[in-house]
PDB file of N, CA and C in Angstrom:
ATOM      1  N   UNK A   1     148.662  85.535 135.964  1.00  0.00           N
ATOM      2  CA  UNK A   1     149.019  86.883 135.544  1.00  0.00           C
ATOM      3  C   UNK A   1     148.050  87.391 134.476  1.00  0.00           C
ATOM      4  N   UNK A   2     147.750  86.552 133.500  1.00  0.00           N
ATOM      5  CA  UNK A   2     146.867  86.936 132.405  1.00  0.00           C
ATOM      6  C   UNK A   2     145.450  87.223 132.929  1.00  0.00           C
ATOM      7  N   UNK A   3     144.954  86.386 133.827  1.00  0.00           N
ATOM      8  CA  UNK A   3     143.606  86.593 134.358  1.00  0.00           C
ATOM      9  C   UNK A   3     143.536  87.859 135.222  1.00  0.00           C
ATOM     10  N   UNK A   4     144.613  88.196 135.893  1.00  0.00           N
ATOM     11  CA  UNK A   4     144.654  89.422 136.693  1.00  0.00           C
ATOM     12  C   UNK A   4     144.551  90.648 135.803  1.00  0.00           C
ATOM     13  N   UNK A   5     145.237  90.637 134.672  1.00  0.00           N
ATOM     14  CA  UNK A   5     145.165  91.751 133.723  1.00  0.00           C
ATOM     15  C   UNK A   5     143.773  91.884 133.128  1.00  0.00           C
ATOM     16  N   UNK A   6     143.138  90.767 132.820  1.00  0.00           N
ATOM     17  CA  UNK A   6     141.785  90.797 132.265  1.00  0.00           C
ATOM     18  C   UNK A   6     140.811  91.356 133.293  1.00  0.00           C
ATOM     19  N   UNK A   7     140.916  90.898 134.536  1.00  0.00           N
ATOM     20  CA  UNK A   7     140.053  91.400 135.597  1.00  0.00           C
ATOM     21  C   UNK A   7     140.263  92.905 135.810  1.00  0.00           C
ATOM     22  N   UNK A   8     141.493  93.335 135.812  1.00  0.00           N
ATOM     23  CA  UNK A   8     141.788  94.759 135.987  1.00  0.00           C
ATOM     24  C   UNK A   8     141.198  95.584 134.842  1.00  0.00           C
ATOM     25  N   UNK A   9     141.300  95.075 133.621  1.00  0.00           N
ATOM     26  CA  UNK A   9     140.759  95.788 132.456  1.00  0.00           C
ATOM     27  C   UNK A   9     139.241  95.893 132.547  1.00  0.00           C
ATOM     28  N   UNK A  10     138.571  94.820 132.957  1.00  0.00           N
ATOM     29  CA  UNK A  10     137.113  94.835 133.083  1.00  0.00           C
ATOM     30  C   UNK A  10     136.689  95.831 134.154  1.00  0.00           C
ATOM     31  N   UNK A  11     137.344  95.828 135.290  1.00  0.00           N
ATOM     32  CA  UNK A  11     137.008  96.768 136.353  1.00  0.00           C
ATOM     33  C   UNK A  11     137.277  98.206 135.937  1.00  0.00           C
ATOM     34  N   UNK A  12     138.336  98.428 135.193  1.00  0.00           N
ATOM     35  CA  UNK A  12     138.667  99.774 134.738  1.00  0.00           C
ATOM     36  C   UNK A  12     137.581 100.316 133.808  1.00  0.00           C
ATOM     37  N   UNK A  13     137.114  99.467 132.894  1.00  0.00           N
ATOM     38  CA  UNK A  13     136.114  99.909 131.927  1.00  0.00           C
ATOM     39  C   UNK A  13     134.719  99.976 132.554  1.00  0.00           C
ATOM     40  N   UNK A  14     134.328  98.964 133.287  1.00  0.00           N
ATOM     41  CA  UNK A  14     132.963  98.885 133.811  1.00  0.00           C
ATOM     42  C   UNK A  14     132.785  99.633 135.131  1.00  0.00           C
ATOM     43  N   UNK A  15     133.828  99.792 135.885  1.00  0.00           N
ATOM     44  CA  UNK A  15     133.682 100.372 137.207  1.00  0.00           C
ATOM     45  C   UNK A  15     133.994 101.843 137.304  1.00  0.00           C
ATOM     46  N   UNK A  16     134.365 102.480 136.227  1.00  0.00           N
ATOM     47  CA  UNK A  16     134.738 103.892 136.276  1.00  0.00           C
ATOM     48  C   UNK A  16     133.690 104.720 135.548  1.00  0.00           C
ATOM     49  N   UNK A  17     132.880 105.422 136.302  1.00  0.00           N
ATOM     50  CA  UNK A  17     131.904 106.308 135.690  1.00  0.00           C
ATOM     51  C   UNK A  17     132.541 107.662 135.445  1.00  0.00           C
ATOM     52  N   UNK A  18     132.142 108.274 134.356  1.00  0.00           N
ATOM     53  CA  UNK A  18     132.656 109.597 134.014  1.00  0.00           C
ATOM     54  C   UNK A  18     131.472 110.520 133.776  1.00  0.00           C
ATOM     55  N   UNK A  19     131.659 111.790 134.089  1.00  0.00           N
ATOM     56  CA  UNK A  19     130.632 112.794 133.845  1.00  0.00           C
ATOM     57  C   UNK A  19     130.965 113.530 132.569  1.00  0.00           C
ATOM     58  N   UNK A  20     129.979 113.659 131.696  1.00  0.00           N
ATOM     59  CA  UNK A  20     130.130 114.401 130.464  1.00  0.00           C
ATOM     60  C   UNK A  20     129.152 115.569 130.544  1.00  0.00           C
ATOM     61  N   UNK A  21     129.638 116.774 130.333  1.00  0.00           N
ATOM     62  CA  UNK A  21     128.825 117.954 130.581  1.00  0.00           C
ATOM     63  C   UNK A  21     129.103 119.019 129.531  1.00  0.00           C
ATOM     64  N   UNK A  22     128.053 119.691 129.128  1.00  0.00           N
ATOM     65  CA  UNK A  22     128.228 120.851 128.247  1.00  0.00           C
ATOM     66  C   UNK A  22     127.208 121.919 128.638  1.00  0.00           C
ATOM     67  N   UNK A  23     127.668 123.157 128.661  1.00  0.00           N
ATOM     68  CA  UNK A  23     126.800 124.309 128.910  1.00  0.00           C
ATOM     69  C   UNK A  23     126.758 125.125 127.634  1.00  0.00           C
ATOM     70  N   UNK A  24     125.551 125.431 127.180  1.00  0.00           N
ATOM     71  CA  UNK A  24     125.360 126.207 125.960  1.00  0.00           C
ATOM     72  C   UNK A  24     124.673 127.507 126.356  1.00  0.00           C
ATOM     73  N   UNK A  25     125.369 128.611 126.211  1.00  0.00           N
ATOM     74  CA  UNK A  25     124.790 129.929 126.490  1.00  0.00           C
ATOM     75  C   UNK A  25     124.155 130.436 125.211  1.00  0.00           C
ATOM     76  N   UNK A  26     122.870 130.743 125.258  1.00  0.00           N
ATOM     77  CA  UNK A  26     122.133 131.160 124.072  1.00  0.00           C
ATOM     78  C   UNK A  26     121.663 132.592 124.271  1.00  0.00           C
ATOM     79  N   UNK A  27     121.995 133.447 123.313  1.00  0.00           N
ATOM     80  CA  UNK A  27     121.569 134.839 123.365  1.00  0.00           C
ATOM     81  C   UNK A  27     120.360 134.994 122.440  1.00  0.00           C
ATOM     82  N   UNK A  28     119.199 135.224 123.033  1.00  0.00           N
ATOM     83  CA  UNK A  28     117.974 135.344 122.253  1.00  0.00           C
ATOM     84  C   UNK A  28     116.876 135.971 123.085  1.00  0.00           C
ATOM     85  N   UNK A  29     115.881 136.475 122.410  1.00  0.00           N
ATOM     86  CA  UNK A  29     114.667 136.925 123.090  1.00  0.00           C
ATOM     87  C   UNK A  29     113.573 135.880 122.917  1.00  0.00           C
ATOM     88  N   UNK A  30     113.863 134.829 122.182  1.00  0.00           N
ATOM     89  CA  UNK A  30     112.878 133.790 121.867  1.00  0.00           C
ATOM     90  C   UNK A  30     113.120 132.536 122.704  1.00  0.00           C
ATOM     91  N   UNK A  31     112.882 132.641 123.993  1.00  0.00           N
ATOM     92  CA  UNK A  31     113.106 131.492 124.867  1.00  0.00           C
ATOM     93  C   UNK A  31     112.183 130.327 124.543  1.00  0.00           C
ATOM     94  N   UNK A  32     111.026 130.616 123.944  1.00  0.00           N
ATOM     95  CA  UNK A  32     110.119 129.546 123.535  1.00  0.00           C
ATOM     96  C   UNK A  32     110.789 128.659 122.485  1.00  0.00           C
ATOM     97  N   UNK A  33     111.563 129.262 121.587  1.00  0.00           N
ATOM     98  CA  UNK A  33     112.272 128.491 120.563  1.00  0.00           C
ATOM     99  C   UNK A  33     113.325 127.591 121.193  1.00  0.00           C
ATOM    100  N   UNK A  34     113.961 128.050 122.245  1.00  0.00           N
ATOM    101  CA  UNK A  34     114.961 127.245 122.946  1.00  0.00           C
ATOM    102  C   UNK A  34     114.278 126.037 123.587  1.00  0.00           C
ATOM    103  N   UNK A  35     113.156 126.271 124.258  1.00  0.00           N
ATOM    104  CA  UNK A  35     112.410 125.173 124.886  1.00  0.00           C
ATOM    105  C   UNK A  35     111.952 124.160 123.836  1.00  0.00           C
ATOM    106  N   UNK A  36     111.460 124.643 122.710  1.00  0.00           N
ATOM    107  CA  UNK A  36     111.009 123.757 121.640  1.00  0.00           C
ATOM    108  C   UNK A  36     112.153 122.918 121.086  1.00  0.00           C
ATOM    109  N   UNK A  37     113.333 123.524 120.950  1.00  0.00           N
ATOM    110  CA  UNK A  37     114.493 122.787 120.447  1.00  0.00           C
ATOM    111  C   UNK A  37     114.920 121.700 121.425  1.00  0.00           C
ATOM    112  N   UNK A  38     114.881 122.000 122.714  1.00  0.00           N
ATOM    113  CA  UNK A  38     115.236 121.006 123.734  1.00  0.00           C
ATOM    114  C   UNK A  38     114.264 119.835 123.681  1.00  0.00           C
ATOM    115  N   UNK A  39     112.959 120.141 123.620  1.00  0.00           N
ATOM    116  CA  UNK A  39     111.938 119.091 123.577  1.00  0.00           C
ATOM    117  C   UNK A  39     112.086 118.242 122.321  1.00  0.00           C
ATOM    118  N   UNK A  40     112.339 118.876 121.179  1.00  0.00           N
ATOM    119  CA  UNK A  40     112.499 118.123 119.927  1.00  0.00           C
ATOM    120  C   UNK A  40     113.708 117.195 120.001  1.00  0.00           C
ATOM    121  N   UNK A  41     114.813 117.696 120.528  1.00  0.00           N
ATOM    122  CA  UNK A  41     116.009 116.858 120.655  1.00  0.00           C
ATOM    123  C   UNK A  41     115.748 115.691 121.602  1.00  0.00           C
ATOM    124  N   UNK A  42     115.120 115.986 122.734  1.00  0.00           N
ATOM    125  CA  UNK A  42     114.833 114.936 123.716  1.00  0.00           C
ATOM    126  C   UNK A  42     113.886 113.886 123.143  1.00  0.00           C
ATOM    127  N   UNK A  43     112.898 114.329 122.400  1.00  0.00           N
ATOM    128  CA  UNK A  43     111.954 113.384 121.787  1.00  0.00           C
ATOM    129  C   UNK A  43     112.679 112.462 120.812  1.00  0.00           C
ATOM    130  N   UNK A  44     113.580 113.033 120.027  1.00  0.00           N
ATOM    131  CA  UNK A  44     114.360 112.237 119.076  1.00  0.00           C
ATOM    132  C   UNK A  44     115.211 111.187 119.790  1.00  0.00           C
ATOM    133  N   UNK A  45     115.731 111.553 120.964  1.00  0.00           N
ATOM    134  CA  UNK A  45     116.579 110.643 121.746  1.00  0.00           C
ATOM    135  C   UNK A  45     115.765 109.798 122.727  1.00  0.00           C
ATOM    136  N   UNK A  46     114.429 109.924 122.677  1.00  0.00           N
ATOM    137  CA  UNK A  46     113.530 109.150 123.536  1.00  0.00           C
ATOM    138  C   UNK A  46     113.745 109.466 125.021  1.00  0.00           C
ATOM    139  N   UNK A  47     113.901 110.759 125.323  1.00  0.00           N
ATOM    140  CA  UNK A  47     114.103 111.231 126.692  1.00  0.00           C
ATOM    141  C   UNK A  47     112.871 112.033 127.091  1.00  0.00           C
ATOM    142  N   UNK A  48     112.146 111.605 128.122  1.00  0.00           N
ATOM    143  CA  UNK A  48     110.948 112.344 128.537  1.00  0.00           C
ATOM    144  C   UNK A  48     111.289 113.691 129.170  1.00  0.00           C
ATOM    145  N   UNK A  49     110.400 114.665 128.952  1.00  0.00           N
ATOM    146  CA  UNK A  49     110.592 116.016 129.482  1.00  0.00           C
ATOM    147  C   UNK A  49     109.477 116.379 130.453  1.00  0.00           C
ATOM    148  N   UNK A  50     109.744 117.407 131.250  1.00  0.00           N
ATOM    149  CA  UNK A  50     108.708 117.958 132.120  1.00  0.00           C
ATOM    150  C   UNK A  50     107.592 118.502 131.233  1.00  0.00           C
ATOM    151  N   UNK A  51     106.470 118.746 131.818  1.00  0.00           N
ATOM    152  CA  UNK A  51     105.315 119.215 131.047  1.00  0.00           C
ATOM    153  C   UNK A  51     105.429 120.654 130.582  1.00  0.00           C
ATOM    154  N   UNK A  52     106.472 121.331 130.968  1.00  0.00           N
ATOM    155  CA  UNK A  52     106.641 122.743 130.607  1.00  0.00           C
ATOM    156  C   UNK A  52     106.768 122.905 129.098  1.00  0.00           C
ATOM    157  N   UNK A  53     106.200 123.981 128.597  1.00  0.00           N
ATOM    158  CA  UNK A  53     106.341 124.311 127.176  1.00  0.00           C
ATOM    159  C   UNK A  53     107.221 125.535 126.989  1.00  0.00           C
ATOM    160  N   UNK A  54     107.717 126.058 128.101  1.00  0.00           N
ATOM    161  CA  UNK A  54     108.623 127.211 128.079  1.00  0.00           C
ATOM    162  C   UNK A  54     109.696 126.970 129.134  1.00  0.00           C
ATOM    163  N   UNK A  55     110.669 127.853 129.175  1.00  0.00           N
ATOM    164  CA  UNK A  55     111.736 127.710 130.161  1.00  0.00           C
ATOM    165  C   UNK A  55     111.229 128.114 131.534  1.00  0.00           C
ATOM    166  N   UNK A  56     111.631 127.475 132.592  1.00  0.00           N
ATOM    167  CA  UNK A  56     112.603 126.381 132.674  1.00  0.00           C
ATOM    168  C   UNK A  56     111.987 125.055 132.243  1.00  0.00           C
ATOM    169  N   UNK A  57     112.840 124.196 131.712  1.00  0.00           N
ATOM    170  CA  UNK A  57     112.420 122.878 131.248  1.00  0.00           C
ATOM    171  C   UNK A  57     113.502 121.869 131.605  1.00  0.00           C
ATOM    172  N   UNK A  58     113.085 120.645 131.881  1.00  0.00           N
ATOM    173  CA  UNK A  58     114.041 119.587 132.202  1.00  0.00           C
ATOM    174  C   UNK A  58     113.612 118.302 131.520  1.00  0.00           C
ATOM    175  N   UNK A  59     114.589 117.630 130.909  1.00  0.00           N
ATOM    176  CA  UNK A  59     114.369 116.335 130.288  1.00  0.00           C
ATOM    177  C   UNK A  59     115.359 115.366 130.921  1.00  0.00           C
ATOM    178  N   UNK A  60     114.875 114.198 131.305  1.00  0.00           N
ATOM    179  CA  UNK A  60     115.746 113.290 132.041  1.00  0.00           C
ATOM    180  C   UNK A  60     115.402 111.841 131.768  1.00  0.00           C
ATOM    181  N   UNK A  61     116.416 111.072 131.458  1.00  0.00           N
ATOM    182  CA  UNK A  61     116.342 109.613 131.364  1.00  0.00           C
ATOM    183  C   UNK A  61     117.746 109.129 131.672  1.00  0.00           C
ATOM    184  N   UNK A  62     117.860 108.375 132.721  1.00  0.00           N
ATOM    185  CA  UNK A  62     119.173 107.899 133.160  1.00  0.00           C
ATOM    186  C   UNK A  62     119.942 107.331 131.976  1.00  0.00           C
ATOM    187  N   UNK A  63     121.127 107.783 131.672  1.00  0.00           N
ATOM    188  CA  UNK A  63     122.065 108.617 132.406  1.00  0.00           C
ATOM    189  C   UNK A  63     122.125 110.063 131.907  1.00  0.00           C
ATOM    190  N   UNK A  64     121.095 110.522 131.169  1.00  0.00           N
ATOM    191  CA  UNK A  64     121.143 111.840 130.527  1.00  0.00           C
ATOM    192  C   UNK A  64     120.157 112.800 131.186  1.00  0.00           C
ATOM    193  N   UNK A  65     120.613 114.021 131.401  1.00  0.00           N
ATOM    194  CA  UNK A  65     119.746 115.081 131.916  1.00  0.00           C
ATOM    195  C   UNK A  65     120.024 116.335 131.082  1.00  0.00           C
ATOM    196  N   UNK A  66     118.956 116.915 130.542  1.00  0.00           N
ATOM    197  CA  UNK A  66     119.057 118.145 129.757  1.00  0.00           C
ATOM    198  C   UNK A  66     118.100 119.147 130.392  1.00  0.00           C
ATOM    199  N   UNK A  67     118.579 120.349 130.633  1.00  0.00           N
ATOM    200  CA  UNK A  67     117.683 121.363 131.169  1.00  0.00           C
ATOM    201  C   UNK A  67     118.029 122.713 130.593  1.00  0.00           C
ATOM    202  N   UNK A  68     117.032 123.566 130.573  1.00  0.00           N
ATOM    203  CA  UNK A  68     117.216 124.917 130.072  1.00  0.00           C
ATOM    204  C   UNK A  68     116.545 125.905 131.000  1.00  0.00           C
ATOM    205  N   UNK A  69     117.187 127.020 131.234  1.00  0.00           N
ATOM    206  CA  UNK A  69     116.643 128.082 132.078  1.00  0.00           C
ATOM    207  C   UNK A  69     116.858 129.428 131.399  1.00  0.00           C
ATOM    208  N   UNK A  70     115.953 130.349 131.660  1.00  0.00           N
ATOM    209  CA  UNK A  70     116.078 131.700 131.114  1.00  0.00           C
ATOM    210  C   UNK A  70     117.103 132.481 131.922  1.00  0.00           C
ATOM    211  N   UNK A  71     117.812 133.363 131.244  1.00  0.00           N
ATOM    212  CA  UNK A  71     118.766 134.267 131.894  1.00  0.00           C
ATOM    213  C   UNK A  71     118.455 135.690 131.440  1.00  0.00           C
ATOM    214  N   UNK A  72     119.187 136.647 131.972  1.00  0.00           N
ATOM    215  CA  UNK A  72     118.992 138.041 131.571  1.00  0.00           C
ATOM    216  C   UNK A  72     119.293 138.267 130.098  1.00  0.00           C
ATOM    217  N   UNK A  73     120.226 137.503 129.556  1.00  0.00           N
ATOM    218  CA  UNK A  73     120.657 137.703 128.164  1.00  0.00           C
ATOM    219  C   UNK A  73     120.100 136.665 127.211  1.00  0.00           C
ATOM    220  N   UNK A  74     119.244 135.763 127.694  1.00  0.00           N
ATOM    221  CA  UNK A  74     118.703 134.727 126.829  1.00  0.00           C
ATOM    222  C   UNK A  74     118.388 133.470 127.605  1.00  0.00           C
ATOM    223  N   UNK A  75     119.235 132.455 127.408  1.00  0.00           N
ATOM    224  CA  UNK A  75     118.995 131.171 128.064  1.00  0.00           C
ATOM    225  C   UNK A  75     120.297 130.406 128.223  1.00  0.00           C
ATOM    226  N   UNK A  76     120.261 129.454 129.126  1.00  0.00           N
ATOM    227  CA  UNK A  76     121.364 128.518 129.306  1.00  0.00           C
ATOM    228  C   UNK A  76     120.783 127.122 129.154  1.00  0.00           C
ATOM    229  N   UNK A  77     121.423 126.315 128.333  1.00  0.00           N
ATOM    230  CA  UNK A  77     121.023 124.929 128.138  1.00  0.00           C
ATOM    231  C   UNK A  77     122.181 124.066 128.615  1.00  0.00           C
ATOM    232  N   UNK A  78     121.895 123.135 129.504  1.00  0.00           N
ATOM    233  CA  UNK A  78     122.927 122.245 130.027  1.00  0.00           C
ATOM    234  C   UNK A  78     122.605 120.805 129.662  1.00  0.00           C
ATOM    235  N   UNK A  79     123.611 120.091 129.254  1.00  0.00           N
ATOM    236  CA  UNK A  79     123.494 118.674 128.906  1.00  0.00           C
ATOM    237  C   UNK A  79     124.461 117.931 129.805  1.00  0.00           C
ATOM    238  N   UNK A  80     123.955 116.996 130.560  1.00  0.00           N
ATOM    239  CA  UNK A  80     124.757 116.279 131.530  1.00  0.00           C
ATOM    240  C   UNK A  80     124.510 114.789 131.337  1.00  0.00           C
ATOM    241  N   UNK A  81     125.563 113.997 131.292  1.00  0.00           N
ATOM    242  CA  UNK A  81     125.424 112.551 131.137  1.00  0.00           C
ATOM    243  C   UNK A  81     126.515 111.848 131.928  1.00  0.00           C
ATOM    244  N   UNK A  82     126.221 110.647 132.326  1.00  0.00           N
ATOM    245  CA  UNK A  82     127.192 109.846 133.060  1.00  0.00           C
ATOM    246  C   UNK A  82     127.328 108.501 132.358  1.00  0.00           C
ATOM    247  N   UNK A  83     128.538 108.034 132.226  1.00  0.00           N
ATOM    248  CA  UNK A  83     128.772 106.748 131.594  1.00  0.00           C
ATOM    249  C   UNK A  83     130.229 106.370 131.714  1.00  0.00           C
ATOM    250  N   UNK A  84     130.554 105.253 131.124  1.00  0.00           N
ATOM    251  CA  UNK A  84     131.948 104.828 131.153  1.00  0.00           C
ATOM    252  C   UNK A  84     132.730 105.659 130.139  1.00  0.00           C
ATOM    253  N   UNK A  85     134.025 105.797 130.326  1.00  0.00           N
ATOM    254  CA  UNK A  85     134.820 106.627 129.425  1.00  0.00           C
ATOM    255  C   UNK A  85     134.675 106.261 127.939  1.00  0.00           C
ATOM    256  N   UNK A  86     134.381 105.009 127.650  1.00  0.00           N
ATOM    257  CA  UNK A  86     134.234 104.609 126.246  1.00  0.00           C
ATOM    258  C   UNK A  86     133.010 105.239 125.573  1.00  0.00           C
ATOM    259  N   UNK A  87     132.086 105.790 126.363  1.00  0.00           N
ATOM    260  CA  UNK A  87     130.882 106.393 125.814  1.00  0.00           C
ATOM    261  C   UNK A  87     131.038 107.881 125.517  1.00  0.00           C
ATOM    262  N   UNK A  88     132.195 108.430 125.746  1.00  0.00           N
ATOM    263  CA  UNK A  88     132.406 109.867 125.560  1.00  0.00           C
ATOM    264  C   UNK A  88     132.026 110.329 124.157  1.00  0.00           C
ATOM    265  N   UNK A  89     132.419 109.582 123.144  1.00  0.00           N
ATOM    266  CA  UNK A  89     132.115 109.963 121.767  1.00  0.00           C
ATOM    267  C   UNK A  89     130.626 110.030 121.492  1.00  0.00           C
ATOM    268  N   UNK A  90     129.876 109.076 122.046  1.00  0.00           N
ATOM    269  CA  UNK A  90     128.427 109.048 121.855  1.00  0.00           C
ATOM    270  C   UNK A  90     127.780 110.281 122.464  1.00  0.00           C
ATOM    271  N   UNK A  91     128.156 110.611 123.701  1.00  0.00           N
ATOM    272  CA  UNK A  91     127.553 111.763 124.357  1.00  0.00           C
ATOM    273  C   UNK A  91     128.013 113.074 123.731  1.00  0.00           C
ATOM    274  N   UNK A  92     129.256 113.153 123.328  1.00  0.00           N
ATOM    275  CA  UNK A  92     129.759 114.362 122.670  1.00  0.00           C
ATOM    276  C   UNK A  92     129.009 114.598 121.363  1.00  0.00           C
ATOM    277  N   UNK A  93     128.754 113.546 120.612  1.00  0.00           N
ATOM    278  CA  UNK A  93     128.019 113.660 119.352  1.00  0.00           C
ATOM    279  C   UNK A  93     126.601 114.188 119.613  1.00  0.00           C
ATOM    280  N   UNK A  94     125.949 113.675 120.658  1.00  0.00           N
ATOM    281  CA  UNK A  94     124.599 114.134 120.982  1.00  0.00           C
ATOM    282  C   UNK A  94     124.603 115.595 121.443  1.00  0.00           C
ATOM    283  N   UNK A  95     125.612 115.981 122.213  1.00  0.00           N
ATOM    284  CA  UNK A  95     125.727 117.372 122.656  1.00  0.00           C
ATOM    285  C   UNK A  95     125.950 118.299 121.465  1.00  0.00           C
ATOM    286  N   UNK A  96     126.812 117.879 120.538  1.00  0.00           N
ATOM    287  CA  UNK A  96     127.069 118.676 119.334  1.00  0.00           C
ATOM    288  C   UNK A  96     125.786 118.859 118.527  1.00  0.00           C
ATOM    289  N   UNK A  97     125.009 117.790 118.430  1.00  0.00           N
ATOM    290  CA  UNK A  97     123.762 117.850 117.672  1.00  0.00           C
ATOM    291  C   UNK A  97     122.789 118.839 118.306  1.00  0.00           C
ATOM    292  N   UNK A  98     122.655 118.801 119.619  1.00  0.00           N
ATOM    293  CA  UNK A  98     121.775 119.737 120.295  1.00  0.00           C
ATOM    294  C   UNK A  98     122.272 121.171 120.119  1.00  0.00           C
ATOM    295  N   UNK A  99     123.575 121.356 120.228  1.00  0.00           N
ATOM    296  CA  UNK A  99     124.154 122.696 120.115  1.00  0.00           C
ATOM    297  C   UNK A  99     123.973 123.290 118.728  1.00  0.00           C
ATOM    298  N   UNK A 100     123.977 122.454 117.716  1.00  0.00           N
ATOM    299  CA  UNK A 100     123.883 122.970 116.350  1.00  0.00           C
ATOM    300  C   UNK A 100     122.467 122.887 115.786  1.00  0.00           C
ATOM    301  N   UNK A 101     121.469 122.750 116.653  1.00  0.00           N
ATOM    302  CA  UNK A 101     120.083 122.641 116.213  1.00  0.00           C
ATOM    303  C   UNK A 101     119.700 123.847 115.362  1.00  0.00           C
ATOM    304  N   UNK A 102     119.183 123.577 114.181  1.00  0.00           N
ATOM    305  CA  UNK A 102     118.821 124.663 113.266  1.00  0.00           C
ATOM    306  C   UNK A 102     117.507 125.328 113.650  1.00  0.00           C
ATOM    307  N   UNK A 103     116.747 124.728 114.551  1.00  0.00           N
ATOM    308  CA  UNK A 103     115.489 125.332 114.982  1.00  0.00           C
ATOM    309  C   UNK A 103     115.746 126.577 115.837  1.00  0.00           C
ATOM    310  N   UNK A 104     116.964 126.771 116.215  1.00  0.00           N
ATOM    311  CA  UNK A 104     117.310 127.936 117.041  1.00  0.00           C
ATOM    312  C   UNK A 104     117.664 129.104 116.137  1.00  0.00           C
ATOM    313  N   UNK A 105     116.846 129.326 115.102  1.00  0.00           N
ATOM    314  CA  UNK A 105     117.117 130.385 114.127  1.00  0.00           C
ATOM    315  C   UNK A 105     117.328 131.719 114.842  1.00  0.00           C
ATOM    316  N   UNK A 106     118.329 132.446 114.404  1.00  0.00           N
ATOM    317  CA  UNK A 106     118.693 133.743 114.958  1.00  0.00           C
ATOM    318  C   UNK A 106     119.124 133.671 116.406  1.00  0.00           C
ATOM    319  N   UNK A 107     119.579 132.544 116.827  1.00  0.00           N
ATOM    320  CA  UNK A 107     120.091 132.382 118.177  1.00  0.00           C
ATOM    321  C   UNK A 107     121.586 132.138 118.043  1.00  0.00           C
ATOM    322  N   UNK A 108     122.385 132.929 118.706  1.00  0.00           N
ATOM    323  CA  UNK A 108     123.824 132.724 118.628  1.00  0.00           C
ATOM    324  C   UNK A 108     124.298 131.954 119.842  1.00  0.00           C
ATOM    325  N   UNK A 109     125.028 130.886 119.614  1.00  0.00           N
ATOM    326  CA  UNK A 109     125.572 130.082 120.695  1.00  0.00           C
ATOM    327  C   UNK A 109     126.908 130.685 121.088  1.00  0.00           C
ATOM    328  N   UNK A 110     127.033 131.041 122.340  1.00  0.00           N
ATOM    329  CA  UNK A 110     128.232 131.713 122.844  1.00  0.00           C
ATOM    330  C   UNK A 110     129.209 130.681 123.356  1.00  0.00           C
TER     331      UNK A 110
END
């Protein structure tokens, strides 16, 4: 009975992938600043980015993908990660950090 519970707990933690996602709508005319903020955040987290220096831009290292695209009203930045449920706090903290980047001066996050 005890070994069955341990096996079930291990499978529950290790075998269940969860998607963590955040969309950040940015209202700005300075899309270059948005791209620079994404690249700076990705560099800090050791995530390689596409060679683009402006939007659209994509940074990806398994299990994290960050991309930004221009919109009519500014830009959209998406942060997507996959991991076990126990990693939610880690990814949420990283998403919060990207969202509150001070390099996005005069950019309002909607």
